[in-house]
Each structure stands twice: as structure tokens, then as C-alpha cells.
Amino acid sequence: MPFINVKMLEGRTHEQKRELARAITDAMVNICDAKADGTMVVIEDIPRDHWARGGTLLSEQ
């Protein structure tokens, strides 16, 4: 059972997340012969003030 965890900055729409989950699932089925109903996709929305690059919060860049 594949488990895919996607972490990205918040701001995507529900429809974008739905499409992403479908595309990732389809890729697992087509490339890795996984079963769609056993493929788990978790999307974590990260606020810009919870993510830093180069020691600076993205909300401050």
C-alpha cells in the first residue's frame, strides 16, 4: 500500500488538491502497478510562517 506525503505551501484550491491526488494516484498505478484503492495521498498545507529557507521564514521573504 503506497503512502505518499505531499508538503506544500498553503494556498491551493480544493480542486487543485483533488487533481493532484488523482494524478499522483494514477502515476502510482501506471508506473508502479499499485492498486488505486490502496494508494494513500496526504497533502499537508504549510503556512508560510512555518517554513524557512536559508534561515528566513518564507513569510518574511
Protein backbone atom coordinates (compact mmCIF):
# COMPACT_ATOMS: atom_id res chain seq x y z
CA MET A 1 0.00 0.00 0.00
CA PRO A 2 1.80 3.16 -1.16
CA PHE A 3 1.68 6.19 1.13
CA ILE A 4 2.61 9.49 -0.49
CA ASN A 5 3.03 12.61 1.64
CA VAL A 6 2.98 15.95 -0.19
CA LYS A 7 4.07 19.04 1.71
CA MET A 8 3.49 22.38 0.04
CA LEU A 9 2.78 25.96 0.89
CA GLU A 10 -0.87 26.66 1.58
CA GLY A 11 -2.99 28.45 -0.98
CA ARG A 12 -4.07 25.78 -3.45
CA THR A 13 -7.76 25.27 -4.08
CA HIS A 14 -9.74 22.18 -3.21
CA GLU A 15 -9.98 21.39 -6.93
CA GLN A 16 -6.20 21.65 -7.38
CA LYS A 17 -5.64 19.27 -4.46
CA ARG A 18 -8.21 16.84 -5.88
CA GLU A 19 -6.49 16.91 -9.28
CA LEU A 20 -3.06 16.46 -7.68
CA ALA A 21 -4.22 13.47 -5.62
CA ARG A 22 -5.73 11.89 -8.75
CA ALA A 23 -2.56 12.48 -10.81
CA ILE A 24 -0.29 11.03 -8.10
CA THR A 25 -2.55 8.01 -7.71
CA ASP A 26 -2.67 7.47 -11.48
CA ALA A 27 1.13 7.67 -11.64
CA MET A 28 1.50 5.04 -8.91
CA VAL A 29 -0.94 2.76 -10.75
CA ASN A 30 0.69 3.25 -14.18
CA ILE A 31 4.34 3.26 -13.16
CA CYS A 32 4.46 1.06 -10.06
CA ASP A 33 1.50 -1.29 -10.67
CA ALA A 34 -0.07 -0.15 -7.40
CA LYS A 35 -3.76 -0.51 -6.74
CA ALA A 36 -5.63 2.80 -6.81
CA ASP A 37 -7.82 1.92 -3.84
CA GLY A 38 -4.75 1.11 -1.77
CA THR A 39 -2.80 4.26 -2.60
CA MET A 40 -2.89 6.90 0.11
CA VAL A 41 -2.06 10.54 -0.67
CA VAL A 42 -1.76 13.03 2.18
CA ILE A 43 -1.48 16.71 1.35
CA GLU A 44 -0.09 18.93 4.09
CA ASP A 45 -0.64 22.66 3.68
CA ILE A 46 2.19 24.51 5.37
CA PRO A 47 1.68 28.19 6.31
CA ARG A 48 4.43 30.49 5.01
CA ASP A 49 5.40 31.39 8.58
CA HIS A 50 6.03 27.70 9.37
CA TRP A 51 8.56 27.19 6.57
CA ALA A 52 12.02 28.70 6.24
CA ARG A 53 14.68 28.76 3.56
CA GLY A 54 18.21 29.96 4.21
CA GLY A 55 17.31 30.74 7.82
CA THR A 56 14.50 33.13 6.90
CA LEU A 57 10.81 32.41 7.20
CA LEU A 58 9.11 32.45 3.80
CA SER A 59 6.56 34.88 5.20
CA GLU A 60 9.43 37.38 5.63
CA GLN A 61 10.88 36.97 2.13
